[in-house]
Amino acid sequence: MSMWAKYAGNHTGYCLEFANVGPFFGLAKEVSYGDPVELDFAIREHMDGRWFFRKTEDWKSEEEVRVLVPRRSACKTDIDPTWLTRLILGWKMADADRQQIREWARQRSPELMVVNASWDELDQVLRIGS
């Protein structure tokens, strides 16, 4: 919920879902949640980027995965379009935007799956359609 609210225009945007394949996604690591990492930059072993993959418990519901590209790598990374497996439309997205995205998805070969997120008032949870 927090990521949809913050990064997807308060549920008016969309989420891109990728298959976990290819060299780019091989760099992906799950974020861990807990107490802040204690770092001492005078200790060489502490300069391994561990803080990029740590957040406090307040953010645990995000279940975030991050990709950290090595510092001296290319500024741009190619992501094979076939790695895009599904689009999830925010539950507050405008109908015109939904229609446009669904049209684009139909034009892809093979057709890209598009599903809706919806808010379940009774259980107070976000549901992702299939």
N, C-alpha and C. Protein backbone atom coordinates (compact mmCIF):
# COMPACT_ATOMS: atom_id res chain seq x y z
N MET A 1 0.82 -1.21 0.00
CA MET A 1 0.00 0.00 0.00
C MET A 1 0.86 1.26 0.00
N SER A 2 1.89 1.26 0.83
CA SER A 2 2.70 2.49 0.92
C SER A 2 3.42 2.77 -0.39
N MET A 3 3.89 1.77 -1.07
CA MET A 3 4.59 2.00 -2.34
C MET A 3 3.62 2.48 -3.41
N TRP A 4 2.40 1.93 -3.44
CA TRP A 4 1.40 2.40 -4.40
C TRP A 4 1.07 3.85 -4.12
N ALA A 5 0.92 4.19 -2.86
CA ALA A 5 0.56 5.56 -2.50
C ALA A 5 1.67 6.54 -2.85
N LYS A 6 2.91 6.14 -2.59
CA LYS A 6 4.04 7.06 -2.78
C LYS A 6 4.55 7.10 -4.21
N TYR A 7 4.70 5.94 -4.84
CA TYR A 7 5.37 5.89 -6.14
C TYR A 7 4.42 5.72 -7.33
N ALA A 8 3.17 5.45 -7.09
CA ALA A 8 2.22 5.25 -8.19
C ALA A 8 1.09 6.26 -8.12
N GLY A 9 1.42 7.48 -7.76
CA GLY A 9 0.42 8.55 -7.78
C GLY A 9 -0.80 8.26 -6.94
N ASN A 10 -0.61 7.72 -5.73
CA ASN A 10 -1.72 7.37 -4.84
C ASN A 10 -2.73 6.47 -5.55
N HIS A 11 -2.21 5.41 -6.16
CA HIS A 11 -3.01 4.36 -6.80
C HIS A 11 -3.57 4.75 -8.16
N THR A 12 -3.12 5.89 -8.73
CA THR A 12 -3.58 6.28 -10.07
C THR A 12 -2.61 5.80 -11.15
N GLY A 13 -1.49 5.24 -10.76
CA GLY A 13 -0.47 4.79 -11.69
C GLY A 13 -0.54 3.30 -11.93
N TYR A 14 0.60 2.71 -12.26
CA TYR A 14 0.67 1.30 -12.58
C TYR A 14 1.99 0.71 -12.10
N CYS A 15 2.03 -0.60 -12.07
CA CYS A 15 3.21 -1.33 -11.65
C CYS A 15 3.64 -2.24 -12.80
N LEU A 16 4.93 -2.24 -13.10
CA LEU A 16 5.49 -3.14 -14.10
C LEU A 16 6.04 -4.36 -13.38
N GLU A 17 5.63 -5.54 -13.81
CA GLU A 17 6.14 -6.78 -13.21
C GLU A 17 7.06 -7.46 -14.21
N PHE A 18 8.27 -7.78 -13.77
CA PHE A 18 9.27 -8.40 -14.63
C PHE A 18 9.58 -9.81 -14.17
N ALA A 19 9.93 -10.67 -15.11
CA ALA A 19 10.47 -11.98 -14.77
C ALA A 19 11.86 -11.77 -14.18
N ASN A 20 12.23 -12.57 -13.25
CA ASN A 20 13.53 -12.46 -12.60
C ASN A 20 14.57 -13.21 -13.43
N VAL A 21 14.85 -12.67 -14.63
CA VAL A 21 15.81 -13.28 -15.55
C VAL A 21 16.73 -12.20 -16.10
N GLY A 22 17.83 -12.64 -16.68
CA GLY A 22 18.73 -11.69 -17.33
C GLY A 22 19.75 -11.11 -16.37
N PRO A 23 20.79 -10.52 -16.93
CA PRO A 23 21.89 -10.00 -16.11
C PRO A 23 21.48 -8.85 -15.20
N PHE A 24 20.56 -7.99 -15.64
CA PHE A 24 20.14 -6.87 -14.81
C PHE A 24 19.48 -7.36 -13.53
N PHE A 25 18.55 -8.30 -13.66
CA PHE A 25 17.83 -8.78 -12.49
C PHE A 25 18.68 -9.72 -11.63
N GLY A 26 19.79 -10.19 -12.19
CA GLY A 26 20.73 -10.97 -11.39
C GLY A 26 21.36 -10.14 -10.29
N LEU A 27 21.30 -8.83 -10.43
CA LEU A 27 21.84 -7.91 -9.43
C LEU A 27 20.82 -7.57 -8.33
N ALA A 28 19.59 -8.07 -8.48
CA ALA A 28 18.51 -7.74 -7.52
C ALA A 28 18.74 -8.45 -6.19
N LYS A 29 18.44 -7.71 -5.12
CA LYS A 29 18.52 -8.26 -3.77
C LYS A 29 17.31 -7.78 -2.98
N GLU A 30 16.81 -8.64 -2.11
CA GLU A 30 15.70 -8.26 -1.25
C GLU A 30 16.19 -7.30 -0.17
N VAL A 31 15.36 -6.33 0.13
CA VAL A 31 15.64 -5.40 1.23
C VAL A 31 15.31 -6.11 2.54
N SER A 32 16.16 -5.94 3.54
CA SER A 32 15.86 -6.48 4.87
C SER A 32 15.38 -5.34 5.76
N TYR A 33 14.57 -5.68 6.73
CA TYR A 33 13.94 -4.68 7.59
C TYR A 33 14.31 -4.94 9.05
N GLY A 34 14.67 -3.89 9.74
CA GLY A 34 15.05 -4.02 11.14
C GLY A 34 15.72 -2.76 11.62
N ASP A 35 16.54 -2.91 12.64
CA ASP A 35 17.27 -1.77 13.18
C ASP A 35 18.24 -1.24 12.12
N PRO A 36 18.53 0.05 12.16
CA PRO A 36 19.49 0.61 11.20
C PRO A 36 20.83 -0.10 11.29
N VAL A 37 21.51 -0.18 10.16
CA VAL A 37 22.83 -0.81 10.11
C VAL A 37 23.84 0.17 10.68
N GLU A 38 24.66 -0.31 11.61
CA GLU A 38 25.72 0.52 12.18
C GLU A 38 26.92 0.47 11.24
N LEU A 39 27.38 1.63 10.81
CA LEU A 39 28.48 1.70 9.85
C LEU A 39 29.62 2.53 10.40
N ASP A 40 30.82 2.06 10.14
CA ASP A 40 32.03 2.81 10.46
C ASP A 40 32.85 2.84 9.18
N PHE A 41 32.89 4.01 8.51
CA PHE A 41 33.56 4.11 7.23
C PHE A 41 35.08 3.95 7.33
N ALA A 42 35.61 3.90 8.54
CA ALA A 42 37.03 3.63 8.72
C ALA A 42 37.30 2.13 8.55
N ILE A 43 36.24 1.33 8.60
CA ILE A 43 36.37 -0.13 8.44
C ILE A 43 36.01 -0.47 7.00
N ARG A 44 36.99 -0.94 6.25
CA ARG A 44 36.81 -1.19 4.80
C ARG A 44 35.63 -2.13 4.52
N GLU A 45 35.43 -3.15 5.34
CA GLU A 45 34.36 -4.11 5.12
C GLU A 45 32.97 -3.47 5.20
N HIS A 46 32.85 -2.33 5.86
CA HIS A 46 31.57 -1.64 5.99
C HIS A 46 31.21 -0.87 4.71
N MET A 47 32.13 -0.74 3.79
CA MET A 47 31.89 0.04 2.57
C MET A 47 31.41 -0.87 1.43
N ASP A 48 30.52 -1.80 1.77
CA ASP A 48 30.06 -2.78 0.78
C ASP A 48 28.65 -2.49 0.27
N GLY A 49 28.08 -1.36 0.63
CA GLY A 49 26.76 -1.00 0.13
C GLY A 49 25.61 -1.62 0.88
N ARG A 50 25.85 -2.21 2.03
CA ARG A 50 24.79 -2.89 2.77
C ARG A 50 23.62 -1.96 3.15
N TRP A 51 23.90 -0.68 3.32
CA TRP A 51 22.83 0.26 3.69
C TRP A 51 21.81 0.44 2.57
N PHE A 52 22.18 0.12 1.32
CA PHE A 52 21.23 0.22 0.21
C PHE A 52 20.10 -0.80 0.33
N PHE A 53 20.34 -1.85 1.10
CA PHE A 53 19.38 -2.95 1.19
C PHE A 53 18.82 -3.11 2.60
N ARG A 54 18.74 -2.02 3.33
CA ARG A 54 18.24 -2.07 4.71
C ARG A 54 17.29 -0.91 4.95
N LYS A 55 16.14 -1.21 5.55
CA LYS A 55 15.16 -0.19 5.93
C LYS A 55 14.62 -0.56 7.31
N THR A 56 14.08 0.43 7.99
CA THR A 56 13.51 0.16 9.31
C THR A 56 12.21 -0.64 9.17
N GLU A 57 11.78 -1.23 10.25
CA GLU A 57 10.57 -2.06 10.29
C GLU A 57 9.34 -1.30 9.79
N ASP A 58 9.34 0.04 9.88
CA ASP A 58 8.19 0.84 9.43
C ASP A 58 7.84 0.56 7.97
N TRP A 59 8.80 0.12 7.17
CA TRP A 59 8.62 -0.07 5.73
C TRP A 59 8.45 -1.54 5.35
N LYS A 60 8.34 -2.43 6.32
CA LYS A 60 8.33 -3.87 6.06
C LYS A 60 7.22 -4.30 5.10
N SER A 61 6.11 -3.63 5.12
CA SER A 61 4.99 -4.04 4.25
C SER A 61 5.32 -3.88 2.76
N GLU A 62 6.37 -3.14 2.43
CA GLU A 62 6.74 -2.93 1.04
C GLU A 62 7.27 -4.20 0.36
N GLU A 63 7.94 -5.05 1.13
CA GLU A 63 8.56 -6.25 0.57
C GLU A 63 9.38 -5.89 -0.67
N GLU A 64 10.23 -4.89 -0.52
CA GLU A 64 10.96 -4.30 -1.63
C GLU A 64 12.15 -5.14 -2.09
N VAL A 65 12.39 -5.09 -3.38
CA VAL A 65 13.58 -5.66 -4.00
C VAL A 65 14.27 -4.51 -4.72
N ARG A 66 15.57 -4.40 -4.57
CA ARG A 66 16.32 -3.31 -5.20
C ARG A 66 17.42 -3.87 -6.09
N VAL A 67 17.75 -3.09 -7.10
CA VAL A 67 18.86 -3.42 -7.98
C VAL A 67 19.91 -2.34 -7.80
N LEU A 68 21.10 -2.76 -7.45
CA LEU A 68 22.21 -1.83 -7.28
C LEU A 68 23.21 -2.12 -8.40
N VAL A 69 23.34 -1.17 -9.30
CA VAL A 69 24.24 -1.34 -10.44
C VAL A 69 25.63 -0.87 -10.01
N PRO A 70 26.65 -1.65 -10.33
CA PRO A 70 28.02 -1.26 -9.93
C PRO A 70 28.38 0.14 -10.40
N ARG A 71 29.14 0.84 -9.61
CA ARG A 71 29.49 2.24 -9.83
C ARG A 71 30.09 2.52 -11.20
N ARG A 72 30.95 1.71 -11.69
CA ARG A 72 31.63 1.99 -12.96
C ARG A 72 30.95 1.35 -14.16
N SER A 73 29.71 0.91 -13.99
CA SER A 73 28.99 0.29 -15.11
C SER A 73 28.38 1.37 -16.00
N ALA A 74 27.83 0.96 -17.11
CA ALA A 74 27.22 1.89 -18.06
C ALA A 74 26.08 2.65 -17.39
N CYS A 75 25.84 3.87 -17.86
CA CYS A 75 24.78 4.70 -17.29
C CYS A 75 23.39 4.16 -17.61
N LYS A 76 23.29 3.42 -18.71
CA LYS A 76 22.00 2.87 -19.12
C LYS A 76 22.11 1.35 -19.18
N THR A 77 21.00 0.69 -18.87
CA THR A 77 20.95 -0.76 -18.92
C THR A 77 19.79 -1.17 -19.82
N ASP A 78 20.05 -2.06 -20.74
CA ASP A 78 18.98 -2.57 -21.58
C ASP A 78 18.21 -3.65 -20.84
N ILE A 79 16.90 -3.55 -20.89
CA ILE A 79 16.03 -4.57 -20.31
C ILE A 79 15.22 -5.13 -21.47
N ASP A 80 15.38 -6.41 -21.72
CA ASP A 80 14.67 -7.07 -22.81
C ASP A 80 13.16 -6.93 -22.57
N PRO A 81 12.42 -6.41 -23.54
CA PRO A 81 10.97 -6.23 -23.36
C PRO A 81 10.23 -7.53 -23.02
N THR A 82 10.78 -8.67 -23.41
CA THR A 82 10.09 -9.92 -23.10
C THR A 82 10.17 -10.26 -21.61
N TRP A 83 11.04 -9.57 -20.88
CA TRP A 83 11.11 -9.79 -19.44
C TRP A 83 9.94 -9.15 -18.72
N LEU A 84 9.26 -8.20 -19.38
CA LEU A 84 8.06 -7.59 -18.80
C LEU A 84 6.93 -8.60 -18.91
N THR A 85 6.41 -9.05 -17.77
CA THR A 85 5.43 -10.14 -17.76
C THR A 85 4.00 -9.69 -17.49
N ARG A 86 3.84 -8.56 -16.81
CA ARG A 86 2.48 -8.15 -16.43
C ARG A 86 2.47 -6.69 -16.03
N LEU A 87 1.35 -6.02 -16.29
CA LEU A 87 1.11 -4.66 -15.82
C LEU A 87 -0.03 -4.71 -14.82
N ILE A 88 0.14 -4.02 -13.71
CA ILE A 88 -0.91 -3.95 -12.69
C ILE A 88 -1.38 -2.50 -12.63
N LEU A 89 -2.65 -2.29 -12.90
CA LEU A 89 -3.21 -0.94 -12.94
C LEU A 89 -3.74 -0.55 -11.57
N GLY A 90 -3.39 0.65 -11.13
CA GLY A 90 -3.85 1.15 -9.83
C GLY A 90 -5.36 1.27 -9.78
N TRP A 91 -5.91 1.07 -8.61
CA TRP A 91 -7.37 1.03 -8.48
C TRP A 91 -8.03 2.40 -8.66
N LYS A 92 -7.26 3.47 -8.63
CA LYS A 92 -7.82 4.80 -8.86
C LYS A 92 -7.44 5.35 -10.24
N MET A 93 -6.88 4.53 -11.10
CA MET A 93 -6.44 4.99 -12.43
C MET A 93 -7.64 5.43 -13.26
N ALA A 94 -7.45 6.50 -14.01
CA ALA A 94 -8.50 7.01 -14.90
C ALA A 94 -8.83 5.99 -15.98
N ASP A 95 -10.10 5.88 -16.34
CA ASP A 95 -10.54 4.91 -17.35
C ASP A 95 -9.83 5.11 -18.68
N ALA A 96 -9.63 6.34 -19.10
CA ALA A 96 -8.95 6.60 -20.38
C ALA A 96 -7.53 6.04 -20.35
N ASP A 97 -6.84 6.18 -19.22
CA ASP A 97 -5.49 5.64 -19.08
C ASP A 97 -5.52 4.11 -19.12
N ARG A 98 -6.50 3.50 -18.45
CA ARG A 98 -6.66 2.04 -18.47
C ARG A 98 -6.82 1.55 -19.90
N GLN A 99 -7.69 2.21 -20.65
CA GLN A 99 -7.96 1.81 -22.03
C GLN A 99 -6.70 1.92 -22.88
N GLN A 100 -5.95 3.01 -22.73
CA GLN A 100 -4.74 3.21 -23.52
C GLN A 100 -3.70 2.13 -23.23
N ILE A 101 -3.49 1.83 -21.95
CA ILE A 101 -2.51 0.82 -21.57
C ILE A 101 -2.93 -0.56 -22.07
N ARG A 102 -4.21 -0.88 -21.95
CA ARG A 102 -4.70 -2.17 -22.45
C ARG A 102 -4.52 -2.28 -23.96
N GLU A 103 -4.71 -1.18 -24.68
CA GLU A 103 -4.50 -1.18 -26.13
C GLU A 103 -3.04 -1.44 -26.46
N TRP A 104 -2.13 -0.78 -25.77
CA TRP A 104 -0.70 -1.02 -25.99
C TRP A 104 -0.35 -2.48 -25.70
N ALA A 105 -0.91 -3.03 -24.63
CA ALA A 105 -0.62 -4.42 -24.24
C ALA A 105 -1.11 -5.40 -25.32
N ARG A 106 -2.24 -5.10 -25.95
CA ARG A 106 -2.77 -5.96 -27.01
C ARG A 106 -1.87 -5.95 -28.25
N GLN A 107 -1.16 -4.86 -28.45
CA GLN A 107 -0.30 -4.72 -29.62
C GLN A 107 1.00 -5.51 -29.50
N ARG A 108 1.34 -5.89 -28.29
CA ARG A 108 2.59 -6.63 -28.10
C ARG A 108 2.39 -8.09 -28.46
N SER A 109 3.44 -8.71 -28.99
CA SER A 109 3.37 -10.12 -29.32
C SER A 109 4.48 -10.85 -28.55
N PRO A 110 4.13 -11.76 -27.63
CA PRO A 110 2.75 -12.10 -27.29
C PRO A 110 2.09 -10.98 -26.47
N GLU A 111 0.77 -10.99 -26.46
CA GLU A 111 0.03 -9.95 -25.74
C GLU A 111 0.45 -9.93 -24.27
N LEU A 112 0.59 -8.73 -23.74
CA LEU A 112 1.01 -8.55 -22.35
C LEU A 112 -0.21 -8.62 -21.43
N MET A 113 -0.08 -9.37 -20.34
CA MET A 113 -1.17 -9.48 -19.38
C MET A 113 -1.33 -8.15 -18.62
N VAL A 114 -2.56 -7.70 -18.48
CA VAL A 114 -2.87 -6.49 -17.71
C VAL A 114 -3.94 -6.86 -16.70
N VAL A 115 -3.70 -6.55 -15.45
CA VAL A 115 -4.67 -6.83 -14.38
C VAL A 115 -4.92 -5.56 -13.58
N ASN A 116 -5.96 -5.58 -12.80
CA ASN A 116 -6.32 -4.44 -11.97
C ASN A 116 -6.01 -4.70 -10.50
N ALA A 117 -5.56 -3.67 -9.83
CA ALA A 117 -5.52 -3.70 -8.37
C ALA A 117 -6.88 -3.18 -7.91
N SER A 118 -7.36 -3.69 -6.80
CA SER A 118 -8.63 -3.20 -6.26
C SER A 118 -8.54 -3.14 -4.74
N TRP A 119 -9.29 -2.23 -4.17
CA TRP A 119 -9.29 -2.06 -2.72
C TRP A 119 -10.47 -2.83 -2.14
N ASP A 120 -10.18 -3.74 -1.22
CA ASP A 120 -11.20 -4.54 -0.55
C ASP A 120 -11.59 -3.81 0.73
N GLU A 121 -12.74 -3.15 0.69
CA GLU A 121 -13.20 -2.36 1.85
C GLU A 121 -13.40 -3.22 3.09
N LEU A 122 -13.93 -4.41 2.92
CA LEU A 122 -14.23 -5.28 4.05
C LEU A 122 -12.97 -5.71 4.79
N ASP A 123 -12.00 -6.24 4.04
CA ASP A 123 -10.77 -6.74 4.66
C ASP A 123 -9.68 -5.69 4.76
N GLN A 124 -9.90 -4.51 4.15
CA GLN A 124 -8.93 -3.41 4.18
C GLN A 124 -7.58 -3.85 3.62
N VAL A 125 -7.62 -4.50 2.44
CA VAL A 125 -6.39 -4.94 1.78
C VAL A 125 -6.48 -4.62 0.28
N LEU A 126 -5.33 -4.52 -0.32
CA LEU A 126 -5.23 -4.32 -1.76
C LEU A 126 -5.19 -5.69 -2.41
N ARG A 127 -6.04 -5.91 -3.38
CA ARG A 127 -6.08 -7.18 -4.08
C ARG A 127 -5.59 -6.99 -5.52
N ILE A 128 -4.84 -7.94 -6.02
CA ILE A 128 -4.34 -7.89 -7.38
C ILE A 128 -5.09 -8.95 -8.17
N GLY A 129 -5.78 -8.52 -9.24
CA GLY A 129 -6.53 -9.45 -10.08
C GLY A 129 -5.61 -10.31 -10.91
N SER A 130 -6.18 -11.34 -11.49
CA SER A 130 -5.37 -12.22 -12.34
C SER A 130 -5.70 -12.01 -13.79
